[in-house]
């Protein structure tokens, strides 16, 4: 933004043309008030005002396929969408990364991303999210690309949703609705479907709209006289009441399912089986890691939220200690609070565990953002006191400098690859070290007629040494207090 004349000459011209009091205003208005010493050292790109206010295209978001048959198939079945983001904080790269993640979510939901734009604003517009002028520009982009849906990278209020649709003349959805749609597609178990349905109804309730007859009033019921005295309910009020009734019923069903899950947890606690929960960002490789460690056979797919239903499998440490390994639902930035509430019973697996394996995608451009997003949800479910091991997955595809930075910044961390098996033995050893150990050390000579006690010592405790003698099995083990009391008649008990 330089002028044809030098800065010093322009300053002299301004000093001559304007009185002293107006000179500062003139310098603010003119582009000639520029110097390399002051402006050349500014950090970042110094966009012109018109450029800063414009919608900025984000390249590389198209998910169009090259194979002709696949293109024809996808264009027949997929919605054609344009993405819109508002850049309020952070760098331009952060805004691009957020919109790229939205593109991946849209593709997972079954959409064809045609274009993506970002607007720089201090905060989203209260009426149309991006402002009336930019909404008109967005309408031109929709017409140019032939899109039938606009997806906004944020949660829109009901008013923003209606007004933006009025301008662009196509369907508008927000990030929350998109994630709910993906969850509805991928939920397989009865509990998962119920949780998704509850979250969708919570999201839908304040956004109900009516057209024409939908707002007409119903005839009053009961034993009123003639045409009844009251105005009756409108159709939309009836819909809201029915949704609330369905939500109440769904909450009761989820509470009943939670009881069954809690009984299983109590059984594991009664048997003193330690539990490990795998938590992490979506598509970080949690299911792949579970399959590698336990052979669970859980679905693995390079897609966001490929698995929603929690899976609990039995595993064993290198020293022979048994524990359970639970795979949980993946997290994402700005995870809708409807989902956090609906999936709270599932996420309690994290809060009730003895150890959290926090899986992060080492090949992601900014893995620190993934860590922060997951820890925010962990705080929401009250699991901040549970010990954590940061497992940096996909080490075979990660940038070595990123791996070094993560390993340096995270105190309890390890780099692994669920695909190649790299680092898994070290991870198992770390789990063995960090799992809570029995509090009492026992040395007992158990008769062969009481073999069940020896079996319990192996499953519930940590066997230090075992020797078979003529009188019975000589055990030296670390066990919990209940089993120590059962072993007490067969030998002395000493506190650890």
Protein backbone atom coordinates (compact mmCIF):
# COMPACT_ATOMS: atom_id res chain seq x y z
CA UNK A 1 0.00 0.00 0.00
CA UNK A 2 2.61 2.55 -1.06
CA UNK A 3 2.01 5.82 -2.85
CA UNK A 4 3.84 7.11 -5.92
CA UNK A 5 5.41 9.96 -3.91
CA UNK A 6 7.78 9.49 -1.01
CA UNK A 7 6.45 9.56 2.57
CA UNK A 8 8.39 12.71 3.49
CA UNK A 9 7.08 14.67 0.45
CA UNK A 10 3.51 13.59 1.20
CA UNK A 11 3.85 14.71 4.81
CA UNK A 12 5.06 18.15 3.72
CA UNK A 13 2.15 18.42 1.25
CA UNK A 14 -0.34 17.53 3.98
CA UNK A 15 1.20 20.02 6.37
CA UNK A 16 0.75 22.75 3.76
CA UNK A 17 -2.76 21.77 2.71
CA UNK A 18 -4.37 21.19 6.12
CA UNK A 19 -4.46 23.31 9.28
CA UNK A 20 -2.61 21.96 12.32
CA UNK A 21 -5.74 20.54 14.02
CA UNK A 22 -6.88 18.60 10.97
CA UNK A 23 -3.49 17.16 10.01
CA UNK A 24 -3.86 13.99 12.16
CA UNK A 25 -7.27 13.26 10.66
CA UNK A 26 -5.88 13.72 7.18
CA UNK A 27 -3.01 11.33 7.93
CA UNK A 28 -5.53 8.71 9.08
CA UNK A 29 -7.59 9.10 5.91
CA UNK A 30 -4.75 9.05 3.40
CA UNK A 31 -2.75 5.97 2.43
CA UNK A 32 0.35 8.18 1.98
CA UNK A 33 0.99 8.18 5.75
CA UNK A 34 3.21 5.11 5.59
CA UNK A 35 6.83 4.50 6.52
CA UNK A 36 8.95 1.37 6.38
CA UNK A 37 10.38 2.03 9.84
CA UNK A 38 6.92 1.94 11.46
CA UNK A 39 4.67 -0.13 9.21
CA UNK A 40 7.25 -2.44 7.65
CA UNK A 41 7.97 -4.10 11.00
CA UNK A 42 4.35 -4.98 11.82
CA UNK A 43 3.68 -8.65 12.36
CA UNK A 44 1.25 -10.46 10.07
CA UNK A 45 -0.28 -9.44 6.78
CA UNK A 46 -1.54 -5.84 6.77
CA UNK A 47 -4.66 -6.21 4.61
CA UNK A 48 -6.44 -3.23 3.18
CA UNK A 49 -9.70 -2.40 4.94
CA UNK A 50 -11.81 -3.62 2.04
CA UNK A 51 -9.87 -6.90 1.99
CA UNK A 52 -10.23 -7.38 5.74
CA UNK A 53 -14.01 -6.98 5.52
CA UNK A 54 -14.46 -9.25 2.51
CA UNK A 55 -15.44 -12.90 2.41
CA UNK A 56 -12.20 -14.80 1.90
CA UNK A 57 -12.26 -18.01 -0.14
CA UNK A 58 -10.56 -21.02 1.48
CA UNK A 59 -8.83 -23.24 -1.07
CA UNK A 60 -8.61 -27.03 -1.03
CA UNK A 61 -11.99 -27.86 0.53
CA UNK A 62 -13.62 -29.56 -2.47
CA UNK A 63 -14.33 -33.26 -1.96
CA UNK A 64 -15.08 -33.94 -5.64
CA UNK A 65 -13.72 -37.32 -6.80
CA UNK A 66 -11.75 -37.89 -10.01
CA UNK A 67 -13.14 -41.30 -10.94
CA UNK A 68 -16.09 -40.70 -13.27
CA UNK A 69 -18.33 -43.43 -11.90
CA UNK A 70 -17.78 -42.31 -8.29
CA UNK A 71 -18.41 -38.68 -9.26
CA UNK A 72 -21.70 -39.53 -10.95
CA UNK A 73 -22.78 -41.65 -7.97
CA UNK A 74 -21.89 -39.01 -5.40
CA UNK A 75 -23.54 -36.18 -7.34
CA UNK A 76 -26.74 -38.20 -7.49
CA UNK A 77 -26.94 -38.84 -3.74
CA UNK A 78 -25.03 -36.06 -1.98
CA UNK A 79 -26.11 -32.58 -0.93
CA UNK A 80 -24.02 -29.81 -2.46
CA UNK A 81 -22.86 -27.47 0.29
CA UNK A 82 -21.02 -24.19 0.79
CA UNK A 83 -19.23 -23.66 4.12
CA UNK A 84 -19.21 -20.33 5.98
CA UNK A 85 -16.99 -19.41 8.92
CA UNK A 86 -16.50 -16.29 11.04
CA UNK A 87 -12.91 -15.63 12.09
CA UNK A 88 -13.06 -13.86 15.45
CA UNK A 89 -9.85 -14.91 17.24
CA UNK A 90 -6.54 -16.58 16.46
CA UNK A 91 -4.63 -16.58 13.19
CA UNK A 92 -5.83 -17.03 9.63
CA UNK A 93 -4.37 -20.56 9.71
CA UNK A 94 -6.51 -21.40 12.76
CA UNK A 95 -9.62 -20.23 10.90
CA UNK A 96 -8.65 -22.30 7.84
CA UNK A 97 -8.07 -25.39 10.00
CA UNK A 98 -11.49 -24.97 11.62
CA UNK A 99 -13.20 -24.75 8.23
CA UNK A 100 -11.20 -27.75 6.96
CA UNK A 101 -12.51 -29.76 9.92
CA UNK A 102 -16.05 -28.60 9.08
CA UNK A 103 -15.47 -29.85 5.51
CA UNK A 104 -14.43 -33.26 6.90
CA UNK A 105 -17.58 -33.34 9.05
CA UNK A 106 -19.74 -32.45 6.04
CA UNK A 107 -18.12 -35.18 3.95
CA UNK A 108 -18.67 -37.70 6.75
CA UNK A 109 -22.34 -36.73 6.87
CA UNK A 110 -22.62 -37.38 3.12
CA UNK A 111 -22.23 -33.96 1.52
CA UNK A 112 -20.24 -32.64 -1.41
CA UNK A 113 -18.27 -29.53 -0.41
CA UNK A 114 -18.18 -27.04 -3.27
CA UNK A 115 -16.73 -23.94 -1.66
CA UNK A 116 -15.81 -22.38 1.66
CA UNK A 117 -15.58 -18.74 2.74
CA UNK A 118 -14.43 -17.00 5.91
CA UNK A 119 -15.25 -13.50 7.11
CA UNK A 120 -13.14 -11.55 9.60
CA UNK A 121 -15.34 -10.05 12.34
CA UNK A 122 -15.00 -9.14 16.01
CA UNK A 123 -18.06 -11.30 16.72
CA UNK A 124 -20.77 -13.01 14.64
CA UNK A 125 -23.60 -10.75 13.50
CA UNK A 126 -26.63 -11.08 15.80
CA UNK A 127 -29.06 -11.13 12.87
CA UNK A 128 -27.51 -13.10 9.99
CA UNK A 129 -24.24 -14.46 11.48
CA UNK A 130 -22.10 -12.76 8.78
CA UNK A 131 -24.00 -9.49 8.26
CA UNK A 132 -26.62 -8.55 5.68
CA UNK A 133 -24.15 -7.40 3.01
CA UNK A 134 -22.02 -10.54 3.23
CA UNK A 135 -25.15 -12.67 3.31
CA UNK A 136 -26.07 -11.17 -0.08
CA UNK A 137 -22.57 -12.01 -1.36
CA UNK A 138 -23.03 -15.53 -0.02
CA UNK A 139 -26.26 -15.78 -2.01
CA UNK A 140 -24.26 -15.01 -5.18
CA UNK A 141 -21.77 -17.77 -4.32
CA UNK A 142 -24.65 -20.23 -3.78
CA UNK A 143 -26.09 -19.35 -7.19
CA UNK A 144 -22.67 -19.58 -8.83
CA UNK A 145 -21.84 -23.03 -7.43
CA UNK A 146 -25.36 -24.49 -7.58
CA UNK A 147 -25.30 -25.40 -3.88
CA UNK A 148 -28.47 -26.47 -2.08
CA UNK A 149 -27.23 -26.12 1.53
CA UNK A 150 -25.13 -23.65 3.54
CA UNK A 151 -23.29 -24.93 6.64
CA UNK A 152 -22.10 -22.39 9.23
CA UNK A 153 -19.06 -23.10 11.41
CA UNK A 154 -20.75 -22.28 14.71
CA UNK A 155 -24.05 -22.68 16.55
CA UNK A 156 -26.71 -20.36 15.13
CA UNK A 157 -29.59 -18.96 17.15
CA UNK A 158 -33.10 -19.62 15.81
CA UNK A 159 -33.29 -16.00 14.63
CA UNK A 160 -29.96 -16.16 12.78
CA UNK A 161 -31.03 -19.40 11.11
CA UNK A 162 -34.31 -17.93 9.82
CA UNK A 163 -32.88 -14.62 8.63
CA UNK A 164 -29.88 -16.17 6.85
CA UNK A 165 -32.18 -18.63 5.08
CA UNK A 166 -34.40 -15.73 3.98
CA UNK A 167 -31.39 -14.12 2.26
CA UNK A 168 -29.59 -17.10 0.68
CA UNK A 169 -32.86 -18.90 -0.27
CA UNK A 170 -31.45 -22.38 0.45
CA UNK A 171 -31.36 -24.61 3.53
CA UNK A 172 -29.00 -23.35 6.28
CA UNK A 173 -27.68 -25.58 9.07
CA UNK A 174 -25.03 -25.04 11.72
CA UNK A 175 -22.15 -27.10 13.06
CA UNK A 176 -24.28 -28.57 15.86
CA UNK A 177 -26.96 -29.86 13.48
CA UNK A 178 -24.25 -31.38 11.28
CA UNK A 179 -22.65 -33.29 14.18
CA UNK A 180 -26.06 -34.49 15.34
CA UNK A 181 -26.76 -35.79 11.83
CA UNK A 182 -23.48 -37.77 11.84
CA UNK A 183 -24.31 -39.22 15.26
CA UNK A 184 -27.77 -40.26 14.03
CA UNK A 185 -26.19 -42.10 11.08
CA UNK A 186 -23.54 -43.91 13.15
CA UNK A 187 -25.42 -44.85 16.33
CA UNK A 188 -26.03 -48.61 16.35
CA UNK A 189 -26.91 -49.67 19.91
CA UNK A 190 -30.25 -48.99 21.60
CA UNK A 191 -28.60 -46.68 24.13
CA UNK A 192 -26.67 -44.79 21.46
CA UNK A 193 -29.81 -44.22 19.37
CA UNK A 194 -31.73 -43.01 22.42
CA UNK A 195 -28.95 -40.58 23.38
CA UNK A 196 -28.78 -39.15 19.87
CA UNK A 197 -32.57 -38.81 19.68
CA UNK A 198 -32.62 -36.91 22.98
CA UNK A 199 -29.87 -34.55 21.82
CA UNK A 200 -31.69 -33.91 18.52
CA UNK A 201 -34.95 -33.08 20.30
CA UNK A 202 -33.15 -30.73 22.70
CA UNK A 203 -31.66 -28.96 19.69
CA UNK A 204 -34.94 -28.94 17.73
CA UNK A 205 -37.26 -27.63 20.46
CA UNK A 206 -36.33 -23.89 20.34
CA UNK A 207 -36.01 -24.01 16.53
CA UNK A 208 -39.50 -25.20 15.62
CA UNK A 209 -41.14 -23.10 12.93
CA UNK A 210 -44.58 -23.06 11.39
CA UNK A 211 -45.92 -22.05 8.00
CA UNK A 212 -49.55 -21.18 7.23
CA UNK A 213 -51.83 -23.84 8.72
CA UNK A 214 -49.09 -24.88 11.14
CA UNK A 215 -49.85 -21.75 13.19
CA UNK A 216 -53.65 -22.13 13.14
CA UNK A 217 -55.39 -22.79 16.45
CA UNK A 218 -57.02 -26.09 17.27
CA UNK A 219 -60.60 -26.33 18.41
CA UNK A 220 -60.82 -26.51 22.19
CA UNK A 221 -61.71 -29.87 23.71
CA UNK A 222 -63.50 -31.10 26.80
CA UNK A 223 -67.13 -30.25 27.63
CA UNK A 224 -67.03 -26.58 26.68
CA UNK A 225 -70.11 -24.96 25.26
CA UNK A 226 -70.77 -24.80 21.52
CA UNK A 227 -67.46 -23.83 19.79
CA UNK A 228 -65.69 -23.81 23.20
CA UNK A 229 -64.65 -20.70 25.11
CA UNK A 230 -60.86 -20.74 24.88
CA UNK A 231 -58.70 -20.03 21.82
CA UNK A 232 -57.11 -23.49 21.99
CA UNK A 233 -53.51 -24.52 21.21
CA UNK A 234 -51.71 -23.61 18.04
CA UNK A 235 -50.18 -26.44 16.03
CA UNK A 236 -46.65 -25.37 16.97
CA UNK A 237 -47.54 -25.36 20.70
CA UNK A 238 -48.87 -28.90 20.31
CA UNK A 239 -45.63 -29.96 18.62
CA UNK A 240 -43.56 -28.46 21.43
CA UNK A 241 -45.63 -30.25 24.05
CA UNK A 242 -45.25 -33.58 22.26
CA UNK A 243 -41.49 -33.10 21.94
CA UNK A 244 -41.21 -32.37 25.66
CA UNK A 245 -43.19 -35.53 26.43
CA UNK A 246 -40.90 -37.57 24.16
CA UNK A 247 -37.83 -36.05 25.81
CA UNK A 248 -39.12 -36.98 29.27
CA UNK A 249 -39.76 -40.54 28.10
CA UNK A 250 -36.29 -40.73 26.49
CA UNK A 251 -34.61 -39.52 29.68
CA UNK A 252 -36.38 -42.26 31.66
CA UNK A 253 -35.23 -44.90 29.16
CA UNK A 254 -31.63 -43.65 29.26
CA UNK A 255 -31.74 -43.64 33.07
CA UNK A 256 -32.86 -47.30 33.01
CA UNK A 257 -30.00 -48.16 30.62
CA UNK A 258 -27.62 -46.28 32.89
CA UNK A 259 -28.68 -48.56 35.76
CA UNK A 260 -27.58 -51.63 33.79
CA UNK A 261 -24.24 -50.00 32.98
CA UNK A 262 -23.77 -49.05 36.64
CA UNK A 263 -24.43 -52.66 37.77
CA UNK A 264 -21.66 -53.86 35.45
CA UNK A 265 -19.32 -51.22 36.87
CA UNK A 266 -20.15 -52.26 40.43
CA UNK A 267 -19.40 -55.88 39.56
CA UNK A 268 -15.98 -54.87 38.22
CA UNK A 269 -15.34 -52.76 41.32
CA UNK A 270 -16.40 -55.64 43.57
CA UNK A 271 -13.91 -57.90 41.84
CA UNK A 272 -11.27 -55.15 42.18
CA UNK A 273 -10.62 -55.08 38.42
CA UNK A 274 -8.85 -51.82 37.45
CA UNK A 275 -10.33 -49.92 34.50
CA UNK A 276 -8.64 -47.92 31.75
CA UNK A 277 -10.61 -45.54 29.51
CA UNK A 278 -9.49 -44.55 26.02
CA UNK A 279 -10.49 -40.95 25.34
CA UNK A 280 -9.49 -38.63 22.55
CA UNK A 281 -10.37 -36.57 19.52
CA UNK A 282 -12.47 -38.15 16.81
CA UNK A 283 -10.45 -40.07 14.21
CA UNK A 284 -7.35 -40.08 16.44
CA UNK A 285 -7.19 -43.90 16.32
CA UNK A 286 -8.90 -44.94 19.58
CA UNK A 287 -10.65 -47.98 18.09
CA UNK A 288 -7.47 -49.04 16.27
CA UNK A 289 -5.57 -48.88 19.57
CA UNK A 290 -8.27 -50.91 21.35
CA UNK A 291 -8.12 -53.57 18.63
CA UNK A 292 -4.31 -53.71 18.87
CA UNK A 293 -4.28 -54.06 22.66
CA UNK A 294 -7.20 -56.48 23.05
CA UNK A 295 -8.14 -57.86 19.63
CA UNK A 296 -11.63 -56.41 20.10
CA UNK A 297 -12.56 -56.29 16.41
CA UNK A 298 -14.21 -52.84 16.66
CA UNK A 299 -14.99 -51.05 13.39
CA UNK A 300 -12.02 -48.96 12.19
CA UNK A 301 -12.59 -46.35 9.51
CA UNK A 302 -10.83 -43.16 8.41
CA UNK A 303 -13.88 -41.03 9.19
CA UNK A 304 -15.05 -38.73 11.96
CA UNK A 305 -17.21 -40.41 14.63
CA UNK A 306 -17.00 -43.81 12.90
CA UNK A 307 -17.79 -45.53 16.23
CA UNK A 308 -20.12 -44.09 18.86
CA UNK A 309 -21.10 -47.03 21.03
CA UNK A 310 -18.69 -47.63 23.93
CA UNK A 311 -16.87 -50.96 23.97
CA UNK A 312 -15.38 -52.56 27.10
CA UNK A 313 -12.85 -55.38 26.69
CA UNK A 314 -10.73 -57.43 29.09
CA UNK A 315 -6.96 -56.99 28.86
CA UNK A 316 -3.86 -58.13 30.70
CA UNK A 317 -0.66 -56.32 31.64
CA UNK A 318 2.79 -57.82 30.93
CA UNK A 319 2.99 -58.83 34.61
CA UNK A 320 -0.30 -60.75 34.35
CA UNK A 321 -2.65 -58.25 36.02
CA UNK A 322 -6.18 -58.10 34.58
CA UNK A 323 -7.89 -54.82 33.75
CA UNK A 324 -10.69 -53.52 31.51
CA UNK A 325 -10.13 -51.24 28.52
CA UNK A 326 -13.07 -49.03 27.49
CA UNK A 327 -13.35 -47.22 24.16
CA UNK A 328 -15.42 -44.01 24.44
CA UNK A 329 -17.10 -41.67 21.98
CA UNK A 330 -14.76 -39.30 20.16
CA UNK A 331 -14.65 -35.60 20.96
CA UNK A 332 -14.43 -32.58 18.68
CA UNK A 333 -13.94 -28.84 19.06
CA UNK A 334 -17.09 -27.02 20.20
CA UNK A 335 -18.81 -30.32 20.98
CA UNK A 336 -22.53 -29.41 21.31
CA UNK A 337 -23.62 -29.28 24.93
CA UNK A 338 -26.74 -31.28 23.95
CA UNK A 339 -24.41 -34.20 23.13
CA UNK A 340 -22.39 -33.83 26.32
CA UNK A 341 -25.62 -34.03 28.34
CA UNK A 342 -27.15 -36.88 26.32
CA UNK A 343 -23.94 -38.95 26.34
CA UNK A 344 -23.11 -38.22 29.97
CA UNK A 345 -23.89 -41.81 31.07
CA UNK A 346 -21.50 -43.09 28.38
CA UNK A 347 -18.81 -40.58 29.27
CA UNK A 348 -19.00 -41.67 32.91
CA UNK A 349 -16.72 -44.53 31.82
CA UNK A 350 -13.99 -41.88 31.74
CA UNK A 351 -14.82 -40.45 35.16
CA UNK A 352 -15.03 -43.89 36.83
CA UNK A 353 -11.78 -45.21 35.35
CA UNK A 354 -8.48 -45.62 37.18
CA UNK A 355 -6.44 -44.36 34.22
CA UNK A 356 -7.16 -42.39 31.03
CA UNK A 357 -5.32 -43.08 27.78
CA UNK A 358 -5.67 -39.71 26.05
CA UNK A 359 -5.14 -40.51 22.36
CA UNK A 360 -4.09 -37.64 20.08
CA UNK A 361 -3.46 -37.69 16.33
CA UNK A 362 0.27 -37.01 15.91
CA UNK A 363 -0.16 -36.38 12.16
CA UNK A 364 -2.66 -33.54 12.74
CA UNK A 365 -1.36 -30.03 11.89
CA UNK A 366 -2.18 -28.68 15.37
CA UNK A 367 -2.47 -31.60 17.84
CA UNK A 368 -2.35 -29.21 20.82
CA UNK A 369 -5.82 -27.97 19.85
CA UNK A 370 -7.10 -31.55 19.97
CA UNK A 371 -5.64 -32.03 23.44
CA UNK A 372 -7.27 -28.82 24.70
CA UNK A 373 -10.69 -29.73 23.22
CA UNK A 374 -10.70 -33.21 24.82
CA UNK A 375 -9.55 -31.92 28.21
CA UNK A 376 -12.40 -29.41 28.19
CA UNK A 377 -14.93 -32.24 27.86
CA UNK A 378 -13.06 -34.30 30.50
CA UNK A 379 -13.49 -31.34 32.86
CA UNK A 380 -17.21 -31.22 32.03
CA UNK A 381 -17.71 -34.86 33.09
CA UNK A 382 -15.68 -34.38 36.29
CA UNK A 383 -12.71 -36.61 35.49
CA UNK A 384 -9.88 -34.16 36.12
CA UNK A 385 -8.51 -36.19 39.06
CA UNK A 386 -8.01 -39.38 37.03
CA UNK A 387 -4.34 -40.00 36.03
CA UNK A 388 -3.68 -39.47 32.32
CA UNK A 389 -1.23 -40.87 29.77
CA UNK A 390 -1.04 -38.94 26.49
CA UNK A 391 -0.76 -41.49 23.67
CA UNK A 392 0.50 -39.82 20.47
CA UNK A 393 -0.88 -42.10 17.78
CA UNK A 394 0.04 -42.30 14.07
CA UNK A 395 3.71 -41.76 14.92
CA UNK A 396 4.67 -43.39 11.62
CA UNK A 397 2.94 -40.58 9.69
CA UNK A 398 3.71 -37.67 12.04
CA UNK A 399 6.20 -34.87 11.60
CA UNK A 400 9.24 -35.71 13.81
CA UNK A 401 9.42 -32.10 15.02
CA UNK A 402 5.76 -32.23 16.12
CA UNK A 403 6.40 -35.51 17.95
CA UNK A 404 9.39 -34.02 19.76
CA UNK A 405 7.37 -30.96 20.76
CA UNK A 406 4.51 -33.03 22.14
CA UNK A 407 6.78 -35.42 24.01
CA UNK A 408 8.60 -32.46 25.52
CA UNK A 409 5.47 -30.54 26.55
CA UNK A 410 3.43 -33.49 27.89
CA UNK A 411 5.03 -35.01 31.00
CA UNK A 412 3.32 -38.42 30.77
CA UNK A 413 3.34 -39.14 27.03
CA UNK A 414 4.42 -41.85 24.60
CA UNK A 415 4.50 -42.06 20.79
CA UNK A 416 2.89 -45.16 19.24
CA UNK A 417 1.47 -46.38 15.94
CA UNK A 418 -1.60 -48.60 16.13
CA UNK A 419 -1.12 -49.47 12.46
CA UNK A 420 2.49 -50.73 12.69
CA UNK A 421 2.61 -51.69 16.38
CA UNK A 422 5.41 -49.21 17.17
CA UNK A 423 5.62 -48.34 20.88
CA UNK A 424 2.80 -50.64 22.03
CA UNK A 425 5.01 -52.75 24.32
CA UNK A 426 6.26 -49.59 26.03
CA UNK A 427 2.65 -48.40 26.39
CA UNK A 428 1.59 -51.68 28.05
CA UNK A 429 4.50 -51.38 30.47
CA UNK A 430 3.46 -47.81 31.27
CA UNK A 431 -0.14 -48.93 31.91
CA UNK A 432 1.19 -51.66 34.24
CA UNK A 433 3.16 -49.06 36.18
CA UNK A 434 0.37 -46.49 36.48
CA UNK A 435 -2.54 -48.80 37.36
CA UNK A 436 -3.37 -48.75 41.08
CA UNK A 437 -1.76 -51.61 42.95
CA UNK A 438 -3.24 -53.68 45.83
CA UNK A 439 -2.46 -52.18 49.22
CA UNK A 440 -1.61 -55.29 51.28
CA UNK A 441 1.28 -57.72 50.85
CA UNK A 442 0.51 -61.30 51.92
CA UNK A 443 2.64 -64.44 52.31
CA UNK A 444 0.49 -67.56 52.72
CA UNK A 445 0.66 -71.33 52.31
CA UNK A 446 -2.65 -72.20 50.65
CA UNK A 447 -3.69 -75.90 50.75
CA UNK A 448 -4.36 -77.53 47.40
CA UNK A 449 -7.97 -78.01 48.47
CA UNK A 450 -8.45 -74.22 48.35
CA UNK A 451 -7.37 -73.64 44.76
CA UNK A 452 -10.02 -70.92 44.32
CA UNK A 453 -8.01 -68.63 46.62
CA UNK A 454 -4.93 -69.08 44.42
CA UNK A 455 -7.00 -68.29 41.32
CA UNK A 456 -8.38 -65.15 42.99
CA UNK A 457 -4.87 -64.09 43.93
CA UNK A 458 -3.91 -64.27 40.25
CA UNK A 459 -7.00 -62.44 38.95
CA UNK A 460 -7.49 -59.83 41.69
CA UNK A 461 -3.97 -59.30 42.95
CA UNK A 462 -0.35 -59.12 41.90
CA UNK A 463 1.62 -62.35 42.38
CA UNK A 464 5.20 -61.64 43.46
CA UNK A 465 6.28 -65.28 43.82
CA UNK A 466 4.63 -68.70 43.74
CA UNK A 467 6.04 -72.06 44.86
CA UNK A 468 4.39 -75.47 44.96
CA UNK A 469 5.30 -77.44 48.11
CA UNK A 470 4.15 -80.73 49.64
CA UNK A 471 1.70 -78.91 51.95
CA UNK A 472 0.24 -76.53 49.34
CA UNK A 473 0.97 -73.44 47.25
CA UNK A 474 3.30 -70.91 48.88
CA UNK A 475 2.23 -67.48 47.66
CA UNK A 476 3.67 -64.04 48.07
CA UNK A 477 1.17 -61.57 46.64
CA UNK A 478 -0.11 -58.02 46.86
CA UNK A 479 -3.90 -58.05 47.23
CA UNK A 480 -6.79 -55.85 48.38
CA UNK A 481 -7.99 -55.97 51.97
CA UNK A 482 -10.93 -58.33 51.40
CA UNK A 483 -8.79 -61.03 49.79
CA UNK A 484 -6.07 -60.47 52.39
CA UNK A 485 -8.62 -61.32 55.10
CA UNK A 486 -9.50 -64.56 53.27
CA UNK A 487 -5.79 -65.50 53.03
CA UNK A 488 -5.01 -64.55 56.63
CA UNK A 489 -5.71 -68.02 58.13
CA UNK A 490 -2.97 -69.51 55.95
CA UNK A 491 -0.15 -67.18 56.82
CA UNK A 492 0.96 -63.86 58.39
CA UNK A 493 -0.20 -60.58 56.85
CA UNK A 494 2.10 -57.58 56.84
CA UNK A 495 1.12 -54.05 55.75
CA UNK A 496 3.00 -52.76 52.69
